[in-house]
Amino acid sequence: MFIEGILEMSNSDKEWNDDHHDENTEDEGSTLETQQHNNILLATVATVAVTYATNYLMKEPCRTSSLTGGKWMEELQEGNQTRIFENFRMEREVFYQLCDLLHTKYGLETGQRVSVQEQVAIFLYIVGGDTRNINTQERFQHSSETISKYFKNVLKAITMMFIDWVRPQPRNGVHPYIRRKRKYYPHFKDCIGAIDGTHIKAYLSPDKQSRLIGKKGYATQNIMAACDFDMCFTFCLSGWEGSAHNTRIFLDTIRNPSYNFPKPQ
């Protein structure tokens, strides 16, 4: 009996040790799996940190030319006056008058490092030469964000100026251009201007281009504009797709009072 009792105790101890070993094995397995998960997480965080530091904290300077936008503007101001016309599509005196007008009347302010003249130059350089943002960055030695910021600032001021300037001017009688030409007078003695449409190339993602593709074969906006006989714009409407017909745009314009189309009185 004693021996049997010893054997039973021995067997019980063995079973307890086996169960305890199994529990320890499970705990160790769970701990190892958690540690592997943490290691993967730490490796991922370290990779993201290194990538961010490389791209944003320790990146090599790109716009390092000594001829910055400000210095280039000084060079243009002091150089031959045809250079401003070639780059900004207007005479030098007109360019600086525009800069002064946008600053004094339409709220265009000097930036931290960018003058009003340089801001207007950035705007005209893009719209006058069909130039991309990245090319403008190189010309003016500014980042993409800076170019976009000042382009939008000038566009906002130009839009405010548009309300005051793009409208019919008061006139007395028949315009001399009509009165002095026999082939126009008296047939067009009551004419106040001319209307036409033009297609301006549009840049947008490929999935949105289909409705803007018309007779030109590429994405455009169909812009309707009116001008008087002094060659001054009196109305301009943008935003229509390049696939829209001129007649459709015209009829919608004269029927929609919100456009404030200058109808003859």
Protein backbone atom coordinates (compact mmCIF):
# COMPACT_ATOMS: atom_id res chain seq x y z
CA MET A 1 0.00 0.00 0.00
CA PHE A 2 2.77 2.39 0.89
CA ILE A 3 4.53 1.75 -2.37
CA GLU A 4 1.29 2.17 -4.30
CA GLY A 5 0.71 5.48 -2.46
CA ILE A 6 4.20 6.66 -3.36
CA LEU A 7 3.62 5.70 -6.98
CA GLU A 8 0.28 7.54 -7.03
CA MET A 9 1.88 10.67 -5.54
CA SER A 10 4.69 10.38 -8.02
CA ASN A 11 2.23 10.09 -10.89
CA SER A 12 0.23 13.07 -9.56
CA ASP A 13 3.39 15.19 -9.35
CA LYS A 14 4.29 14.19 -12.89
CA GLU A 15 0.86 15.13 -14.20
CA TRP A 16 1.03 18.50 -12.35
CA ASN A 17 4.51 19.17 -13.76
CA ASP A 18 3.32 18.26 -17.26
CA ASP A 19 0.32 20.59 -16.95
CA HIS A 20 2.48 23.36 -15.53
CA HIS A 21 4.99 22.87 -18.35
CA ASP A 22 2.22 23.10 -20.91
CA GLU A 23 0.97 26.36 -19.35
CA ASN A 24 4.49 27.81 -19.35
CA THR A 25 4.93 26.78 -22.97
CA GLU A 26 1.69 28.52 -23.92
CA ASP A 27 2.71 31.66 -22.01
CA GLU A 28 6.11 31.67 -23.65
CA GLY A 29 4.52 31.24 -27.08
CA SER A 30 2.13 34.12 -26.44
CA THR A 31 4.97 36.32 -25.17
CA LEU A 32 7.10 35.50 -28.22
CA GLU A 33 4.23 36.32 -30.60
CA THR A 34 3.62 39.66 -28.84
CA GLN A 35 7.32 40.49 -29.01
CA GLN A 36 7.43 39.71 -32.74
CA HIS A 37 4.38 41.93 -33.30
CA ASN A 38 6.01 44.78 -31.36
CA ASN A 39 9.23 44.36 -33.33
CA ILE A 40 7.33 44.62 -36.63
CA LEU A 41 5.51 47.72 -35.35
CA LEU A 42 8.76 49.36 -34.24
CA ALA A 43 10.39 48.56 -37.59
CA THR A 44 7.44 50.13 -39.44
CA VAL A 45 7.55 53.28 -37.28
CA ALA A 46 11.31 53.55 -37.78
CA THR A 47 10.92 53.23 -41.57
CA VAL A 48 8.25 55.95 -41.66
CA ALA A 49 10.39 58.22 -39.47
CA VAL A 50 13.45 57.77 -41.69
CA THR A 51 11.39 58.40 -44.85
CA TYR A 52 9.85 61.57 -43.39
CA ALA A 53 13.22 62.86 -42.21
CA THR A 54 14.80 62.16 -45.60
CA ASN A 55 12.02 63.82 -47.60
CA TYR A 56 11.14 66.76 -45.34
CA LEU A 57 13.84 67.38 -42.73
CA MET A 58 17.11 66.54 -44.41
CA LYS A 59 16.18 67.04 -48.08
CA GLU A 60 18.71 68.69 -50.36
CA PRO A 61 17.83 72.31 -51.29
CA CYS A 62 16.52 72.56 -54.84
CA ARG A 63 15.93 76.25 -55.68
CA THR A 64 19.47 77.53 -55.12
CA SER A 65 20.03 79.85 -58.10
CA SER A 66 21.59 83.20 -57.26
CA LEU A 67 19.15 84.89 -59.67
CA THR A 68 16.10 84.80 -57.42
CA GLY A 69 12.70 86.09 -58.48
CA GLY A 70 13.30 89.37 -56.67
CA LYS A 71 16.68 89.93 -58.33
CA TRP A 72 15.25 89.00 -61.71
CA MET A 73 12.51 91.61 -61.26
CA GLU A 74 15.15 94.25 -60.42
CA GLU A 75 17.06 93.27 -63.55
CA LEU A 76 13.93 93.58 -65.71
CA GLN A 77 13.06 96.95 -64.21
CA GLU A 78 16.49 98.38 -64.98
CA GLY A 79 16.99 96.62 -68.32
CA ASN A 80 15.51 97.02 -71.79
CA GLN A 81 11.77 97.65 -71.57
CA THR A 82 11.01 95.01 -74.21
CA ARG A 83 12.01 92.26 -71.75
CA ILE A 84 8.95 92.87 -69.56
CA PHE A 85 6.72 92.80 -72.64
CA GLU A 86 8.28 89.53 -73.80
CA ASN A 87 7.77 87.84 -70.43
CA PHE A 88 4.51 89.37 -69.16
CA ARG A 89 2.74 90.39 -72.40
CA MET A 90 2.41 94.08 -71.48
CA GLU A 91 4.48 97.26 -71.62
CA ARG A 92 6.64 98.11 -68.64
CA GLU A 93 4.61 101.19 -67.67
CA VAL A 94 1.36 99.23 -67.89
CA PHE A 95 2.82 96.43 -65.77
CA TYR A 96 3.77 98.75 -62.91
CA GLN A 97 0.48 100.64 -63.15
CA LEU A 98 -1.33 97.31 -62.79
CA CYS A 99 0.79 96.38 -59.76
CA ASP A 100 0.05 99.72 -58.10
CA LEU A 101 -3.68 99.45 -58.84
CA LEU A 102 -3.95 95.92 -57.43
CA HIS A 103 -2.06 96.99 -54.32
CA THR A 104 -3.82 100.29 -53.55
CA LYS A 105 -7.38 99.46 -54.56
CA TYR A 106 -7.85 95.69 -54.59
CA GLY A 107 -5.97 94.52 -51.52
CA LEU A 108 -2.92 92.79 -52.94
CA GLU A 109 -0.35 92.95 -50.14
CA THR A 110 3.41 92.44 -50.07
CA GLY A 111 4.36 88.96 -48.87
CA GLN A 112 7.01 88.01 -46.35
CA ARG A 113 9.66 87.63 -49.05
CA VAL A 114 7.73 88.40 -52.24
CA SER A 115 6.91 91.91 -53.43
CA VAL A 116 3.66 92.89 -55.13
CA GLN A 117 5.55 93.23 -58.43
CA GLU A 118 6.94 89.71 -58.15
CA GLN A 119 3.51 88.29 -57.28
CA VAL A 120 1.97 89.91 -60.36
CA ALA A 121 4.93 88.71 -62.43
CA ILE A 122 4.33 85.12 -61.24
CA PHE A 123 0.66 85.39 -62.25
CA LEU A 124 1.37 86.87 -65.70
CA TYR A 125 4.27 84.48 -66.32
CA ILE A 126 1.87 81.54 -65.91
CA VAL A 127 -1.24 82.83 -67.70
CA GLY A 128 0.62 84.68 -70.45
CA GLY A 129 3.02 81.90 -71.35
CA ASP A 130 0.97 78.77 -70.61
CA THR A 131 3.66 77.86 -68.10
CA ARG A 132 3.48 75.04 -65.55
CA ASN A 133 3.98 75.51 -61.82
CA ILE A 134 7.26 73.57 -61.83
CA ASN A 135 8.77 75.84 -64.51
CA THR A 136 7.66 78.91 -62.57
CA GLN A 137 9.35 77.50 -59.47
CA GLU A 138 12.65 77.41 -61.32
CA ARG A 139 12.24 80.90 -62.80
CA PHE A 140 11.35 82.60 -59.50
CA GLN A 141 13.19 80.23 -57.15
CA HIS A 142 10.20 79.50 -54.91
CA SER A 143 8.50 76.30 -53.77
CA SER A 144 5.34 74.92 -55.35
CA GLU A 145 3.30 76.06 -52.35
CA THR A 146 4.62 79.62 -52.60
CA ILE A 147 3.89 79.85 -56.33
CA SER A 148 0.33 78.57 -55.82
CA LYS A 149 -0.28 80.88 -52.87
CA TYR A 150 0.68 84.09 -54.67
CA PHE A 151 -0.99 83.05 -57.92
CA LYS A 152 -4.28 82.69 -56.01
CA ASN A 153 -3.74 86.02 -54.23
CA VAL A 154 -3.30 87.88 -57.52
CA LEU A 155 -6.21 85.99 -59.11
CA LYS A 156 -8.45 87.11 -56.23
CA ALA A 157 -7.42 90.76 -56.72
CA ILE A 158 -7.83 90.51 -60.51
CA THR A 159 -11.34 89.10 -60.04
CA MET A 160 -12.25 92.11 -57.89
CA MET A 161 -10.84 94.46 -60.50
CA PHE A 162 -12.79 92.62 -63.21
CA ILE A 163 -16.10 93.81 -61.72
CA ASP A 164 -15.08 97.47 -62.07
CA TRP A 165 -13.33 97.34 -65.42
CA VAL A 166 -14.97 94.71 -67.62
CA ARG A 167 -18.23 96.49 -68.42
CA PRO A 168 -19.58 98.84 -71.09
CA GLN A 169 -18.42 102.43 -70.89
CA PRO A 170 -20.80 105.39 -71.38
CA ARG A 171 -20.94 106.52 -74.99
CA ASN A 172 -22.34 109.52 -76.88
CA GLY A 173 -23.94 108.69 -80.18
CA VAL A 174 -22.40 106.43 -82.81
CA HIS A 175 -18.83 105.30 -82.25
CA PRO A 176 -16.36 106.98 -84.65
CA TYR A 177 -15.15 103.57 -85.86
CA ILE A 178 -18.64 102.89 -87.24
CA ARG A 179 -19.50 106.43 -88.33
CA ARG A 180 -16.35 106.90 -90.43
CA LYS A 181 -16.62 103.67 -92.44
CA ARG A 182 -19.18 103.57 -95.22
CA LYS A 183 -19.40 99.79 -95.19
CA TYR A 184 -20.49 99.88 -91.51
CA TYR A 185 -22.61 103.03 -91.36
CA PRO A 186 -25.58 103.23 -91.12
CA HIS A 187 -26.03 99.43 -90.94
CA PHE A 188 -24.26 99.10 -87.56
CA LYS A 189 -24.96 102.54 -86.11
CA ASP A 190 -26.69 100.97 -83.08
CA CYS A 191 -24.05 98.29 -82.53
CA ILE A 192 -22.21 98.54 -79.22
CA GLY A 193 -19.64 95.78 -79.67
CA ALA A 194 -18.88 92.27 -80.85
CA ILE A 195 -19.26 88.83 -79.20
CA ASP A 196 -17.20 85.74 -79.85
CA GLY A 197 -16.01 82.59 -78.12
CA THR A 198 -12.53 81.25 -77.58
CA HIS A 199 -11.23 77.94 -76.28
CA ILE A 200 -8.70 77.99 -73.43
CA LYS A 201 -6.79 74.81 -72.69
CA ALA A 202 -7.79 73.17 -69.40
CA TYR A 203 -5.64 70.96 -67.19
CA LEU A 204 -7.39 68.36 -65.03
CA SER A 205 -7.33 64.65 -64.23
CA PRO A 206 -8.02 62.26 -67.15
CA ASP A 207 -11.24 60.92 -65.61
CA LYS A 208 -12.78 64.42 -65.77
CA GLN A 209 -11.61 65.45 -69.23
CA SER A 210 -14.25 63.82 -71.47
CA ARG A 211 -16.92 66.53 -71.07
CA LEU A 212 -14.37 69.27 -71.81
CA ILE A 213 -13.17 67.76 -75.09
CA GLY A 214 -14.83 69.32 -78.14
CA LYS A 215 -13.76 70.33 -81.62
CA LYS A 216 -10.21 71.08 -80.48
CA GLY A 217 -9.58 67.45 -79.62
CA TYR A 218 -8.29 68.20 -76.13
CA ALA A 219 -9.77 69.52 -72.89
CA THR A 220 -10.75 73.20 -73.04
CA GLN A 221 -13.06 75.76 -71.53
CA ASN A 222 -15.28 77.62 -73.99
CA ILE A 223 -15.00 81.30 -73.00
CA MET A 224 -17.53 83.84 -74.28
CA ALA A 225 -16.36 87.45 -74.42
CA ALA A 226 -17.70 90.78 -75.68
CA CYS A 227 -15.67 93.87 -76.53
CA ASP A 228 -16.43 97.40 -77.74
CA PHE A 229 -14.93 99.31 -80.64
CA ASP A 230 -12.13 100.66 -78.45
CA MET A 231 -10.92 97.04 -78.13
CA CYS A 232 -11.88 96.91 -74.45
CA PHE A 233 -13.63 93.89 -72.97
CA THR A 234 -17.14 94.65 -71.74
CA PHE A 235 -18.15 91.12 -70.69
CA CYS A 236 -16.48 87.76 -70.14
CA LEU A 237 -17.91 84.41 -69.06
CA SER A 238 -15.76 81.37 -68.28
CA GLY A 239 -16.51 77.89 -66.98
CA TRP A 240 -18.36 76.25 -69.87
CA GLU A 241 -17.05 72.91 -71.15
CA GLY A 242 -15.18 72.87 -74.44
CA SER A 243 -17.88 70.59 -75.86
CA ALA A 244 -20.59 73.26 -75.36
CA HIS A 245 -21.75 75.08 -78.49
CA ASN A 246 -21.40 78.88 -78.71
CA THR A 247 -25.13 79.33 -79.27
CA ARG A 248 -26.00 77.39 -76.14
CA ILE A 249 -23.65 79.53 -74.06
CA PHE A 250 -24.99 82.78 -75.54
CA LEU A 251 -28.65 81.89 -74.99
CA ASP A 252 -28.00 80.80 -71.41
CA THR A 253 -26.09 84.03 -70.75
CA ILE A 254 -28.77 86.43 -71.95
CA ARG A 255 -31.51 84.48 -70.11
CA ASN A 256 -29.70 84.26 -66.77
CA PRO A 257 -29.91 87.62 -64.91
CA SER A 258 -27.18 86.60 -62.47
CA TYR A 259 -24.57 86.99 -65.25
CA ASN A 260 -25.46 90.69 -65.60
CA PHE A 261 -24.95 90.59 -69.35
CA PRO A 262 -24.82 94.17 -70.75
CA LYS A 263 -27.84 94.21 -73.02
CA PRO A 264 -28.42 97.23 -75.27
CA GLN A 265 -30.85 99.76 -73.78
